[in-house]
PDB file of all heavy atoms in Angstrom:
ATOM      1  N   ALA A   1     -11.140  -2.049   7.999  1.00  0.00           N
ATOM      2  CA  ALA A   1     -11.794  -2.502   9.231  1.00  0.00           C
ATOM      3  C   ALA A   1     -12.638  -3.713   8.899  1.00  0.00           C
ATOM      4  O   ALA A   1     -13.365  -3.721   7.902  1.00  0.00           O
ATOM      5  CB  ALA A   1     -12.664  -1.399   9.824  1.00  0.00           C
ATOM      6  N   ILE A   2     -12.520  -4.738   9.739  1.00  0.00           N
ATOM      7  CA  ILE A   2     -13.174  -6.003   9.432  1.00  0.00           C
ATOM      8  C   ILE A   2     -13.535  -6.721  10.720  1.00  0.00           C
ATOM      9  O   ILE A   2     -12.882  -6.543  11.757  1.00  0.00           O
ATOM     10  CB  ILE A   2     -12.230  -6.875   8.566  1.00  0.00           C
ATOM     11  CG1 ILE A   2     -12.950  -8.063   7.947  1.00  0.00           C
ATOM     12  CG2 ILE A   2     -10.990  -7.301   9.326  1.00  0.00           C
ATOM     13  CD1 ILE A   2     -12.143  -8.757   6.857  1.00  0.00           C
ATOM     14  N   GLU A   3     -14.605  -7.473  10.693  1.00  0.00           N
ATOM     15  CA  GLU A   3     -14.938  -8.332  11.821  1.00  0.00           C
ATOM     16  C   GLU A   3     -14.097  -9.602  11.731  1.00  0.00           C
ATOM     17  O   GLU A   3     -13.675 -10.006  10.640  1.00  0.00           O
ATOM     18  CB  GLU A   3     -16.423  -8.686  11.802  1.00  0.00           C
ATOM     19  CG  GLU A   3     -17.336  -7.487  12.039  1.00  0.00           C
ATOM     20  CD  GLU A   3     -18.809  -7.872  11.973  1.00  0.00           C
ATOM     21  OE1 GLU A   3     -19.114  -8.984  11.481  1.00  0.00           O
ATOM     22  OE2 GLU A   3     -19.644  -7.054  12.397  1.00  0.00           O
ATOM     23  N   ALA A   4     -13.854 -10.242  12.880  1.00  0.00           N
ATOM     24  CA  ALA A   4     -13.035 -11.461  12.882  1.00  0.00           C
ATOM     25  C   ALA A   4     -13.626 -12.526  11.961  1.00  0.00           C
ATOM     26  O   ALA A   4     -12.900 -13.349  11.397  1.00  0.00           O
ATOM     27  CB  ALA A   4     -12.883 -11.993  14.306  1.00  0.00           C
ATOM     28  N   GLY A   5     -14.949 -12.492  11.773  1.00  0.00           N
ATOM     29  CA  GLY A   5     -15.608 -13.453  10.892  1.00  0.00           C
ATOM     30  C   GLY A   5     -15.442 -13.157   9.415  1.00  0.00           C
ATOM     31  O   GLY A   5     -15.822 -13.969   8.567  1.00  0.00           O
ATOM     32  N   GLY A   6     -14.899 -11.968   9.081  1.00  0.00           N
ATOM     33  CA  GLY A   6     -14.600 -11.663   7.685  1.00  0.00           C
ATOM     34  C   GLY A   6     -15.401 -10.531   7.061  1.00  0.00           C
ATOM     35  O   GLY A   6     -15.092 -10.105   5.955  1.00  0.00           O
ATOM     36  N   LYS A   7     -16.425 -10.021   7.729  1.00  0.00           N
ATOM     37  CA  LYS A   7     -17.244  -8.952   7.157  1.00  0.00           C
ATOM     38  C   LYS A   7     -16.456  -7.647   7.133  1.00  0.00           C
ATOM     39  O   LYS A   7     -15.976  -7.174   8.160  1.00  0.00           O
ATOM     40  CB  LYS A   7     -18.525  -8.771   7.965  1.00  0.00           C
ATOM     41  CG  LYS A   7     -19.434  -7.662   7.430  1.00  0.00           C
ATOM     42  CD  LYS A   7     -20.674  -7.492   8.296  1.00  0.00           C
ATOM     43  CE  LYS A   7     -21.548  -6.350   7.800  1.00  0.00           C
ATOM     44  NZ  LYS A   7     -22.735  -6.136   8.669  1.00  0.00           N
ATOM     45  N   VAL A   8     -16.325  -7.045   5.943  1.00  0.00           N
ATOM     46  CA  VAL A   8     -15.602  -5.788   5.793  1.00  0.00           C
ATOM     47  C   VAL A   8     -16.504  -4.625   6.231  1.00  0.00           C
ATOM     48  O   VAL A   8     -17.635  -4.493   5.772  1.00  0.00           O
ATOM     49  CB  VAL A   8     -15.133  -5.582   4.344  1.00  0.00           C
ATOM     50  CG1 VAL A   8     -14.496  -4.209   4.168  1.00  0.00           C
ATOM     51  CG2 VAL A   8     -14.143  -6.676   3.950  1.00  0.00           C
ATOM     52  N   LEU A   9     -15.969  -3.776   7.112  1.00  0.00           N
ATOM     53  CA  LEU A   9     -16.717  -2.639   7.634  1.00  0.00           C
ATOM     54  C   LEU A   9     -16.295  -1.326   6.986  1.00  0.00           C
ATOM     55  O   LEU A   9     -17.082  -0.388   6.911  1.00  0.00           O
ATOM     56  CB  LEU A   9     -16.526  -2.542   9.150  1.00  0.00           C
ATOM     57  CG  LEU A   9     -16.880  -3.796   9.954  1.00  0.00           C
ATOM     58  CD1 LEU A   9     -16.482  -3.627  11.419  1.00  0.00           C
ATOM     59  CD2 LEU A   9     -18.375  -4.091   9.838  1.00  0.00           C
ATOM     60  N   PHE A  10     -15.037  -1.248   6.536  1.00  0.00           N
ATOM     61  CA  PHE A  10     -14.505  -0.021   5.942  1.00  0.00           C
ATOM     62  C   PHE A  10     -13.247  -0.370   5.163  1.00  0.00           C
ATOM     63  O   PHE A  10     -12.463  -1.225   5.591  1.00  0.00           O
ATOM     64  CB  PHE A  10     -14.165   1.005   7.031  1.00  0.00           C
ATOM     65  CG  PHE A  10     -13.498   2.255   6.520  1.00  0.00           C
ATOM     66  CD1 PHE A  10     -14.239   3.270   5.947  1.00  0.00           C
ATOM     67  CD2 PHE A  10     -12.120   2.412   6.604  1.00  0.00           C
ATOM     68  CE1 PHE A  10     -13.624   4.421   5.468  1.00  0.00           C
ATOM     69  CE2 PHE A  10     -11.492   3.553   6.131  1.00  0.00           C
ATOM     70  CZ  PHE A  10     -12.251   4.566   5.564  1.00  0.00           C
ATOM     71  N   SER A  11     -13.046   0.304   4.020  1.00  0.00           N
ATOM     72  CA  SER A  11     -11.848   0.040   3.231  1.00  0.00           C
ATOM     73  C   SER A  11     -11.470   1.276   2.419  1.00  0.00           C
ATOM     74  O   SER A  11     -12.325   1.908   1.807  1.00  0.00           O
ATOM     75  CB  SER A  11     -12.087  -1.144   2.279  1.00  0.00           C
ATOM     76  OG  SER A  11     -10.938  -1.409   1.501  1.00  0.00           O
ATOM     77  N   ARG A  12     -10.181   1.629   2.462  1.00  0.00           N
ATOM     78  CA  ARG A  12      -9.634   2.702   1.628  1.00  0.00           C
ATOM     79  C   ARG A  12      -8.250   2.296   1.161  1.00  0.00           C
ATOM     80  O   ARG A  12      -7.557   1.538   1.846  1.00  0.00           O
ATOM     81  CB  ARG A  12      -9.528   4.020   2.428  1.00  0.00           C
ATOM     82  CG  ARG A  12     -10.819   4.779   2.603  1.00  0.00           C
ATOM     83  CD  ARG A  12     -11.187   5.608   1.376  1.00  0.00           C
ATOM     84  NE  ARG A  12     -10.165   6.566   1.008  1.00  0.00           N
ATOM     85  CZ  ARG A  12      -9.978   7.753   1.598  1.00  0.00           C
ATOM     86  NH1 ARG A  12     -10.748   8.106   2.618  1.00  0.00           N
ATOM     87  NH2 ARG A  12      -9.033   8.553   1.180  1.00  0.00           N
ATOM     88  N   GLU A  13      -7.812   2.827   0.007  1.00  0.00           N
ATOM     89  CA  GLU A  13      -6.492   2.488  -0.520  1.00  0.00           C
ATOM     90  C   GLU A  13      -5.811   3.721  -1.100  1.00  0.00           C
ATOM     91  O   GLU A  13      -6.470   4.690  -1.497  1.00  0.00           O
ATOM     92  CB  GLU A  13      -6.617   1.417  -1.614  1.00  0.00           C
ATOM     93  CG  GLU A  13      -7.084   0.073  -1.108  1.00  0.00           C
ATOM     94  CD  GLU A  13      -7.232  -0.951  -2.220  1.00  0.00           C
ATOM     95  OE1 GLU A  13      -7.940  -0.648  -3.205  1.00  0.00           O
ATOM     96  OE2 GLU A  13      -6.634  -2.035  -2.102  1.00  0.00           O
ATOM     97  N   LEU A  14      -4.485   3.664  -1.159  1.00  0.00           N
ATOM     98  CA  LEU A  14      -3.717   4.699  -1.833  1.00  0.00           C
ATOM     99  C   LEU A  14      -3.961   4.611  -3.335  1.00  0.00           C
ATOM    100  O   LEU A  14      -4.029   3.517  -3.898  1.00  0.00           O
ATOM    101  CB  LEU A  14      -2.218   4.510  -1.584  1.00  0.00           C
ATOM    102  CG  LEU A  14      -1.669   4.793  -0.194  1.00  0.00           C
ATOM    103  CD1 LEU A  14      -0.238   4.288  -0.100  1.00  0.00           C
ATOM    104  CD2 LEU A  14      -1.734   6.283   0.126  1.00  0.00           C
ATOM    105  N   SER A  15      -4.047   5.754  -3.987  1.00  0.00           N
ATOM    106  CA  SER A  15      -4.151   5.761  -5.446  1.00  0.00           C
ATOM    107  C   SER A  15      -2.796   5.400  -6.055  1.00  0.00           C
ATOM    108  O   SER A  15      -1.737   5.578  -5.433  1.00  0.00           O
ATOM    109  CB  SER A  15      -4.578   7.137  -5.940  1.00  0.00           C
ATOM    110  OG  SER A  15      -3.538   8.082  -5.736  1.00  0.00           O
ATOM    111  N   THR A  16      -2.814   4.901  -7.276  1.00  0.00           N
ATOM    112  CA  THR A  16      -1.555   4.576  -7.941  1.00  0.00           C
ATOM    113  C   THR A  16      -0.734   5.846  -8.220  1.00  0.00           C
ATOM    114  O   THR A  16       0.493   5.778  -8.278  1.00  0.00           O
ATOM    115  CB  THR A  16      -1.802   3.812  -9.243  1.00  0.00           C
ATOM    116  OG1 THR A  16      -2.710   4.546 -10.074  1.00  0.00           O
ATOM    117  CG2 THR A  16      -2.395   2.435  -8.958  1.00  0.00           C
ATOM    118  N   ASP A  17      -1.394   7.002  -8.346  1.00  0.00           N
ATOM    119  CA  ASP A  17      -0.653   8.257  -8.530  1.00  0.00           C
ATOM    120  C   ASP A  17       0.213   8.556  -7.310  1.00  0.00           C
ATOM    121  O   ASP A  17       1.393   8.913  -7.446  1.00  0.00           O
ATOM    122  CB  ASP A  17      -1.618   9.421  -8.775  1.00  0.00           C
ATOM    123  CG  ASP A  17      -2.250   9.392 -10.157  1.00  0.00           C
ATOM    124  OD1 ASP A  17      -1.716   8.678 -11.034  1.00  0.00           O
ATOM    125  OD2 ASP A  17      -3.267  10.078 -10.360  1.00  0.00           O
ATOM    126  N   ILE A  18      -0.366   8.417  -6.122  1.00  0.00           N
ATOM    127  CA  ILE A  18       0.408   8.640  -4.893  1.00  0.00           C
ATOM    128  C   ILE A  18       1.501   7.584  -4.771  1.00  0.00           C
ATOM    129  O   ILE A  18       2.639   7.890  -4.375  1.00  0.00           O
ATOM    130  CB  ILE A  18      -0.512   8.611  -3.658  1.00  0.00           C
ATOM    131  CG1 ILE A  18      -1.459   9.821  -3.661  1.00  0.00           C
ATOM    132  CG2 ILE A  18       0.314   8.588  -2.369  1.00  0.00           C
ATOM    133  CD1 ILE A  18      -0.782  11.157  -3.504  1.00  0.00           C
ATOM    134  N   MET A  19       1.180   6.347  -5.107  1.00  0.00           N
ATOM    135  CA  MET A  19       2.181   5.284  -5.042  1.00  0.00           C
ATOM    136  C   MET A  19       3.367   5.585  -5.954  1.00  0.00           C
ATOM    137  O   MET A  19       4.532   5.376  -5.578  1.00  0.00           O
ATOM    138  CB  MET A  19       1.537   3.945  -5.404  1.00  0.00           C
ATOM    139  CG  MET A  19       0.504   3.473  -4.377  1.00  0.00           C
ATOM    140  SD  MET A  19      -0.530   2.101  -4.977  1.00  0.00           S
ATOM    141  CE  MET A  19       0.678   0.759  -5.040  1.00  0.00           C
ATOM    142  N   ARG A  20       3.107   6.094  -7.155  1.00  0.00           N
ATOM    143  CA  ARG A  20       4.187   6.446  -8.074  1.00  0.00           C
ATOM    144  C   ARG A  20       5.072   7.543  -7.482  1.00  0.00           C
ATOM    145  O   ARG A  20       6.302   7.534  -7.627  1.00  0.00           O
ATOM    146  CB  ARG A  20       3.618   6.919  -9.413  1.00  0.00           C
ATOM    147  CG  ARG A  20       2.936   5.842 -10.226  1.00  0.00           C
ATOM    148  CD  ARG A  20       3.937   4.897 -10.849  1.00  0.00           C
ATOM    149  NE  ARG A  20       3.279   3.854 -11.655  1.00  0.00           N
ATOM    150  CZ  ARG A  20       3.823   2.697 -11.926  1.00  0.00           C
ATOM    151  NH1 ARG A  20       5.035   2.405 -11.485  1.00  0.00           N
ATOM    152  NH2 ARG A  20       3.184   1.802 -12.649  1.00  0.00           N
ATOM    153  N   LYS A  21       4.451   8.495  -6.802  1.00  0.00           N
ATOM    154  CA  LYS A  21       5.226   9.571  -6.178  1.00  0.00           C
ATOM    155  C   LYS A  21       6.093   9.035  -5.039  1.00  0.00           C
ATOM    156  O   LYS A  21       7.232   9.472  -4.858  1.00  0.00           O
ATOM    157  CB  LYS A  21       4.281  10.661  -5.666  1.00  0.00           C
ATOM    158  CG  LYS A  21       3.613  11.457  -6.776  1.00  0.00           C
ATOM    159  CD  LYS A  21       2.669  12.509  -6.228  1.00  0.00           C
ATOM    160  CE  LYS A  21       1.988  13.275  -7.350  1.00  0.00           C
ATOM    161  NZ  LYS A  21       1.023  14.280  -6.843  1.00  0.00           N
ATOM    162  N   VAL A  22       5.557   8.089  -4.265  1.00  0.00           N
ATOM    163  CA  VAL A  22       6.340   7.465  -3.198  1.00  0.00           C
ATOM    164  C   VAL A  22       7.541   6.733  -3.788  1.00  0.00           C
ATOM    165  O   VAL A  22       8.665   6.800  -3.267  1.00  0.00           O
ATOM    166  CB  VAL A  22       5.472   6.502  -2.367  1.00  0.00           C
ATOM    167  CG1 VAL A  22       6.328   5.692  -1.386  1.00  0.00           C
ATOM    168  CG2 VAL A  22       4.391   7.265  -1.604  1.00  0.00           C
ATOM    169  N   ILE A  23       7.313   6.042  -4.906  1.00  0.00           N
ATOM    170  CA  ILE A  23       8.401   5.328  -5.587  1.00  0.00           C
ATOM    171  C   ILE A  23       9.478   6.308  -6.063  1.00  0.00           C
ATOM    172  O   ILE A  23      10.681   6.091  -5.855  1.00  0.00           O
ATOM    173  CB  ILE A  23       7.844   4.514  -6.774  1.00  0.00           C
ATOM    174  CG1 ILE A  23       7.000   3.347  -6.253  1.00  0.00           C
ATOM    175  CG2 ILE A  23       8.977   4.006  -7.664  1.00  0.00           C
ATOM    176  CD1 ILE A  23       6.145   2.690  -7.322  1.00  0.00           C
ATOM    177  N   SER A  24       9.058   7.404  -6.700  1.00  0.00           N
ATOM    178  CA  SER A  24      10.016   8.391  -7.201  1.00  0.00           C
ATOM    179  C   SER A  24      10.831   8.994  -6.056  1.00  0.00           C
ATOM    180  O   SER A  24      12.062   9.123  -6.155  1.00  0.00           O
ATOM    181  CB  SER A  24       9.288   9.507  -7.959  1.00  0.00           C
ATOM    182  OG  SER A  24       8.650   9.003  -9.107  1.00  0.00           O
ATOM    183  N   PHE A  25      10.152   9.340  -4.985  1.00  0.00           N
ATOM    184  CA  PHE A  25      10.825   9.901  -3.802  1.00  0.00           C
ATOM    185  C   PHE A  25      11.851   8.914  -3.259  1.00  0.00           C
ATOM    186  O   PHE A  25      12.987   9.284  -2.948  1.00  0.00           O
ATOM    187  CB  PHE A  25       9.776  10.223  -2.731  1.00  0.00           C
ATOM    188  CG  PHE A  25      10.339  10.803  -1.462  1.00  0.00           C
ATOM    189  CD1 PHE A  25      10.473  12.178  -1.321  1.00  0.00           C
ATOM    190  CD2 PHE A  25      10.713   9.985  -0.406  1.00  0.00           C
ATOM    191  CE1 PHE A  25      10.994  12.717  -0.151  1.00  0.00           C
ATOM    192  CE2 PHE A  25      11.218  10.507   0.774  1.00  0.00           C
ATOM    193  CZ  PHE A  25      11.366  11.878   0.904  1.00  0.00           C
ATOM    194  N   SER A  26      11.465   7.663  -3.150  1.00  0.00           N
ATOM    195  CA  SER A  26      12.354   6.636  -2.601  1.00  0.00           C
ATOM    196  C   SER A  26      13.567   6.403  -3.496  1.00  0.00           C
ATOM    197  O   SER A  26      14.697   6.260  -3.016  1.00  0.00           O
ATOM    198  CB  SER A  26      11.585   5.322  -2.407  1.00  0.00           C
ATOM    199  OG  SER A  26      10.497   5.495  -1.531  1.00  0.00           O
ATOM    200  N   LYS A  27      13.338   6.356  -4.808  1.00  0.00           N
ATOM    201  CA  LYS A  27      14.452   6.119  -5.733  1.00  0.00           C
ATOM    202  C   LYS A  27      15.438   7.283  -5.732  1.00  0.00           C
ATOM    203  O   LYS A  27      16.659   7.085  -5.821  1.00  0.00           O
ATOM    204  CB  LYS A  27      13.907   5.852  -7.135  1.00  0.00           C
ATOM    205  CG  LYS A  27      13.267   4.469  -7.295  1.00  0.00           C
ATOM    206  CD  LYS A  27      12.859   4.201  -8.725  1.00  0.00           C
ATOM    207  CE  LYS A  27      12.287   2.800  -8.875  1.00  0.00           C
ATOM    208  NZ  LYS A  27      13.288   1.737  -8.616  1.00  0.00           N
ATOM    209  N   GLU A  28      14.921   8.497  -5.627  1.00  0.00           N
ATOM    210  CA  GLU A  28      15.796   9.675  -5.600  1.00  0.00           C
ATOM    211  C   GLU A  28      16.738   9.637  -4.393  1.00  0.00           C
ATOM    212  O   GLU A  28      17.856  10.146  -4.457  1.00  0.00           O
ATOM    213  CB  GLU A  28      14.959  10.955  -5.548  1.00  0.00           C
ATOM    214  CG  GLU A  28      14.268  11.300  -6.856  1.00  0.00           C
ATOM    215  CD  GLU A  28      13.311  12.465  -6.701  1.00  0.00           C
ATOM    216  OE1 GLU A  28      13.315  13.107  -5.615  1.00  0.00           O
ATOM    217  OE2 GLU A  28      12.561  12.747  -7.660  1.00  0.00           O
ATOM    218  N   ARG A  29      16.279   9.014  -3.292  1.00  0.00           N
ATOM    219  CA  ARG A  29      17.057   8.985  -2.051  1.00  0.00           C
ATOM    220  C   ARG A  29      17.604   7.602  -1.730  1.00  0.00           C
ATOM    221  O   ARG A  29      18.128   7.383  -0.638  1.00  0.00           O
ATOM    222  CB  ARG A  29      16.177   9.493  -0.892  1.00  0.00           C
ATOM    223  CG  ARG A  29      15.861  10.975  -1.025  1.00  0.00           C
ATOM    224  CD  ARG A  29      14.637  11.365  -0.222  1.00  0.00           C
ATOM    225  NE  ARG A  29      14.411  12.800  -0.296  1.00  0.00           N
ATOM    226  CZ  ARG A  29      13.842  13.406  -1.335  1.00  0.00           C
ATOM    227  NH1 ARG A  29      13.467  12.699  -2.402  1.00  0.00           N
ATOM    228  NH2 ARG A  29      13.665  14.724  -1.329  1.00  0.00           N
ATOM    229  N   ASN A  30      17.454   6.668  -2.668  1.00  0.00           N
ATOM    230  CA  ASN A  30      17.947   5.302  -2.482  1.00  0.00           C
ATOM    231  C   ASN A  30      17.372   4.664  -1.212  1.00  0.00           C
ATOM    232  O   ASN A  30      18.093   4.057  -0.414  1.00  0.00           O
ATOM    233  CB  ASN A  30      19.480   5.280  -2.435  1.00  0.00           C
ATOM    234  CG  ASN A  30      20.035   3.880  -2.632  1.00  0.00           C
ATOM    235  OD1 ASN A  30      19.442   3.044  -3.323  1.00  0.00           O
ATOM    236  ND2 ASN A  30      21.166   3.604  -2.018  1.00  0.00           N
ATOM    237  N   LEU A  31      16.057   4.801  -1.043  1.00  0.00           N
ATOM    238  CA  LEU A  31      15.369   4.257   0.124  1.00  0.00           C
ATOM    239  C   LEU A  31      14.532   3.039  -0.267  1.00  0.00           C
ATOM    240  O   LEU A  31      13.965   2.987  -1.365  1.00  0.00           O
ATOM    241  CB  LEU A  31      14.448   5.309   0.755  1.00  0.00           C
ATOM    242  CG  LEU A  31      15.117   6.566   1.291  1.00  0.00           C
ATOM    243  CD1 LEU A  31      14.052   7.575   1.720  1.00  0.00           C
ATOM    244  CD2 LEU A  31      16.047   6.236   2.456  1.00  0.00           C
ATOM    245  N   TYR A  32      14.435   2.093   0.636  1.00  0.00           N
ATOM    246  CA  TYR A  32      13.581   0.912   0.440  1.00  0.00           C
ATOM    247  C   TYR A  32      12.126   1.287   0.695  1.00  0.00           C
ATOM    248  O   TYR A  32      11.797   1.955   1.682  1.00  0.00           O
ATOM    249  CB  TYR A  32      14.001  -0.190   1.412  1.00  0.00           C
ATOM    250  CG  TYR A  32      13.014  -1.339   1.525  1.00  0.00           C
ATOM    251  CD1 TYR A  32      13.117  -2.450   0.698  1.00  0.00           C
ATOM    252  CD2 TYR A  32      11.976  -1.308   2.459  1.00  0.00           C
ATOM    253  CE1 TYR A  32      12.214  -3.500   0.793  1.00  0.00           C
ATOM    254  CE2 TYR A  32      11.074  -2.349   2.563  1.00  0.00           C
ATOM    255  CZ  TYR A  32      11.196  -3.434   1.736  1.00  0.00           C
ATOM    256  OH  TYR A  32      10.297  -4.472   1.828  1.00  0.00           O
ATOM    257  N   CYS A  33      11.225   0.849  -0.193  1.00  0.00           N
ATOM    258  CA  CYS A  33       9.796   1.015   0.075  1.00  0.00           C
ATOM    259  C   CYS A  33       9.049  -0.256  -0.313  1.00  0.00           C
ATOM    260  O   CYS A  33       9.545  -1.074  -1.094  1.00  0.00           O
ATOM    261  CB  CYS A  33       9.213   2.234  -0.641  1.00  0.00           C
ATOM    262  SG  CYS A  33       9.028   2.083  -2.428  1.00  0.00           S
ATOM    263  N   GLN A  34       7.872  -0.424   0.258  1.00  0.00           N
ATOM    264  CA  GLN A  34       7.049  -1.593  -0.057  1.00  0.00           C
ATOM    265  C   GLN A  34       5.582  -1.208  -0.055  1.00  0.00           C
ATOM    266  O   GLN A  34       5.165  -0.222   0.558  1.00  0.00           O
ATOM    267  CB  GLN A  34       7.294  -2.733   0.939  1.00  0.00           C
ATOM    268  CG  GLN A  34       6.858  -2.455   2.365  1.00  0.00           C
ATOM    269  CD  GLN A  34       7.204  -3.591   3.317  1.00  0.00           C
ATOM    270  OE1 GLN A  34       8.287  -4.168   3.255  1.00  0.00           O
ATOM    271  NE2 GLN A  34       6.285  -3.916   4.225  1.00  0.00           N
ATOM    272  N   PHE A  35       4.786  -2.023  -0.778  1.00  0.00           N
ATOM    273  CA  PHE A  35       3.350  -1.853  -0.866  1.00  0.00           C
ATOM    274  C   PHE A  35       2.690  -3.174  -0.497  1.00  0.00           C
ATOM    275  O   PHE A  35       3.354  -4.121  -0.055  1.00  0.00           O
ATOM    276  CB  PHE A  35       2.945  -1.414  -2.277  1.00  0.00           C
ATOM    277  CG  PHE A  35       3.593  -0.139  -2.724  1.00  0.00           C
ATOM    278  CD1 PHE A  35       4.711  -0.148  -3.560  1.00  0.00           C
ATOM    279  CD2 PHE A  35       3.090   1.076  -2.313  1.00  0.00           C
ATOM    280  CE1 PHE A  35       5.309   1.027  -3.965  1.00  0.00           C
ATOM    281  CE2 PHE A  35       3.681   2.263  -2.708  1.00  0.00           C
ATOM    282  CZ  PHE A  35       4.794   2.238  -3.539  1.00  0.00           C
ATOM    283  N   TYR A  36       1.377  -3.263  -0.704  1.00  0.00           N
ATOM    284  CA  TYR A  36       0.626  -4.454  -0.320  1.00  0.00           C
ATOM    285  C   TYR A  36      -0.419  -4.763  -1.378  1.00  0.00           C
ATOM    286  O   TYR A  36      -1.044  -3.863  -1.947  1.00  0.00           O
ATOM    287  CB  TYR A  36      -0.067  -4.247   1.042  1.00  0.00           C
ATOM    288  CG  TYR A  36       0.922  -3.912   2.128  1.00  0.00           C
ATOM    289  CD1 TYR A  36       1.348  -2.598   2.309  1.00  0.00           C
ATOM    290  CD2 TYR A  36       1.463  -4.902   2.944  1.00  0.00           C
ATOM    291  CE1 TYR A  36       2.288  -2.279   3.282  1.00  0.00           C
ATOM    292  CE2 TYR A  36       2.401  -4.599   3.917  1.00  0.00           C
ATOM    293  CZ  TYR A  36       2.809  -3.289   4.069  1.00  0.00           C
ATOM    294  OH  TYR A  36       3.742  -2.988   5.018  1.00  0.00           O
ATOM    295  N   LYS A  37      -0.612  -6.060  -1.636  1.00  0.00           N
ATOM    296  CA  LYS A  37      -1.659  -6.519  -2.545  1.00  0.00           C
ATOM    297  C   LYS A  37      -2.141  -7.881  -2.070  1.00  0.00           C
ATOM    298  O   LYS A  37      -1.325  -8.771  -1.811  1.00  0.00           O
ATOM    299  CB  LYS A  37      -1.137  -6.615  -3.983  1.00  0.00           C
ATOM    300  CG  LYS A  37      -2.200  -7.030  -4.990  1.00  0.00           C
ATOM    301  CD  LYS A  37      -1.650  -7.051  -6.401  1.00  0.00           C
ATOM    302  CE  LYS A  37      -2.735  -7.454  -7.396  1.00  0.00           C
ATOM    303  NZ  LYS A  37      -2.209  -7.488  -8.789  1.00  0.00           N
ATOM    304  N   ASP A  38      -3.444  -8.026  -1.941  1.00  0.00           N
ATOM    305  CA  ASP A  38      -4.036  -9.289  -1.472  1.00  0.00           C
ATOM    306  C   ASP A  38      -3.414  -9.723  -0.148  1.00  0.00           C
ATOM    307  O   ASP A  38      -3.180 -10.906   0.095  1.00  0.00           O
ATOM    308  CB  ASP A  38      -3.876 -10.392  -2.519  1.00  0.00           C
ATOM    309  CG  ASP A  38      -4.576 -10.054  -3.825  1.00  0.00           C
ATOM    310  OD1 ASP A  38      -5.619  -9.382  -3.772  1.00  0.00           O
ATOM    311  OD2 ASP A  38      -4.059 -10.448  -4.889  1.00  0.00           O
ATOM    312  N   HIS A  39      -3.106  -8.718   0.702  1.00  0.00           N
ATOM    313  CA  HIS A  39      -2.535  -8.938   2.043  1.00  0.00           C
ATOM    314  C   HIS A  39      -1.173  -9.623   1.992  1.00  0.00           C
ATOM    315  O   HIS A  39      -0.779 -10.326   2.931  1.00  0.00           O
ATOM    316  CB  HIS A  39      -3.517  -9.715   2.925  1.00  0.00           C
ATOM    317  CG  HIS A  39      -4.885  -9.114   2.936  1.00  0.00           C
ATOM    318  ND1 HIS A  39      -5.117  -7.808   3.310  1.00  0.00           N
ATOM    319  CD2 HIS A  39      -6.099  -9.629   2.588  1.00  0.00           C
ATOM    320  CE1 HIS A  39      -6.418  -7.546   3.195  1.00  0.00           C
ATOM    321  NE2 HIS A  39      -7.021  -8.629   2.761  1.00  0.00           N
ATOM    322  N   LYS A  40      -0.454  -9.388   0.892  1.00  0.00           N
ATOM    323  CA  LYS A  40       0.937  -9.804   0.771  1.00  0.00           C
ATOM    324  C   LYS A  40       1.801  -8.557   0.599  1.00  0.00           C
ATOM    325  O   LYS A  40       1.333  -7.519   0.132  1.00  0.00           O
ATOM    326  CB  LYS A  40       1.132 -10.751  -0.418  1.00  0.00           C
ATOM    327  CG  LYS A  40       0.435 -12.095  -0.269  1.00  0.00           C
ATOM    328  CD  LYS A  40       0.685 -12.974  -1.488  1.00  0.00           C
ATOM    329  CE  LYS A  40       0.098 -14.374  -1.317  1.00  0.00           C
ATOM    330  NZ  LYS A  40      -1.366 -14.352  -1.168  1.00  0.00           N
ATOM    331  N   ILE A  41       3.061  -8.669   0.993  1.00  0.00           N
ATOM    332  CA  ILE A  41       4.000  -7.560   0.866  1.00  0.00           C
ATOM    333  C   ILE A  41       4.554  -7.553  -0.563  1.00  0.00           C
ATOM    334  O   ILE A  41       5.039  -8.567  -1.051  1.00  0.00           O
ATOM    335  CB  ILE A  41       5.143  -7.708   1.881  1.00  0.00           C
ATOM    336  CG1 ILE A  41       4.599  -7.699   3.313  1.00  0.00           C
ATOM    337  CG2 ILE A  41       6.172  -6.591   1.704  1.00  0.00           C
ATOM    338  CD1 ILE A  41       5.615  -8.140   4.357  1.00  0.00           C
ATOM    339  N   VAL A  42       4.488  -6.404  -1.219  1.00  0.00           N
ATOM    340  CA  VAL A  42       4.964  -6.274  -2.598  1.00  0.00           C
ATOM    341  C   VAL A  42       6.246  -5.437  -2.587  1.00  0.00           C
ATOM    342  O   VAL A  42       6.248  -4.289  -2.112  1.00  0.00           O
ATOM    343  CB  VAL A  42       3.901  -5.606  -3.492  1.00  0.00           C
ATOM    344  CG1 VAL A  42       4.428  -5.442  -4.916  1.00  0.00           C
ATOM    345  CG2 VAL A  42       2.610  -6.423  -3.490  1.00  0.00           C
ATOM    346  N   VAL A  43       7.332  -6.017  -3.085  1.00  0.00           N
ATOM    347  CA  VAL A  43       8.634  -5.355  -3.073  1.00  0.00           C
ATOM    348  C   VAL A  43       9.308  -5.509  -4.436  1.00  0.00           C
ATOM    349  O   VAL A  43       8.977  -6.405  -5.208  1.00  0.00           O
ATOM    350  CB  VAL A  43       9.562  -5.971  -1.991  1.00  0.00           C
ATOM    351  CG1 VAL A  43       8.980  -5.756  -0.604  1.00  0.00           C
ATOM    352  CG2 VAL A  43       9.803  -7.460  -2.236  1.00  0.00           C
TER     353      VAL A  43
END
C-alpha cells in the first residue's frame, strides 16, 4: 500500500520457502509461474 506521492503505508512479501514450493508444484505439473522483484516480472 502506497500513496501516489511514494510514501509506503504497508508491505508484505512471500518467503523464499513458499516461493520454492510454488516452483516445485509448477514444475511437477508443467505450469508457467512468475514472481516479482523491483516491480518487474521475473520469469
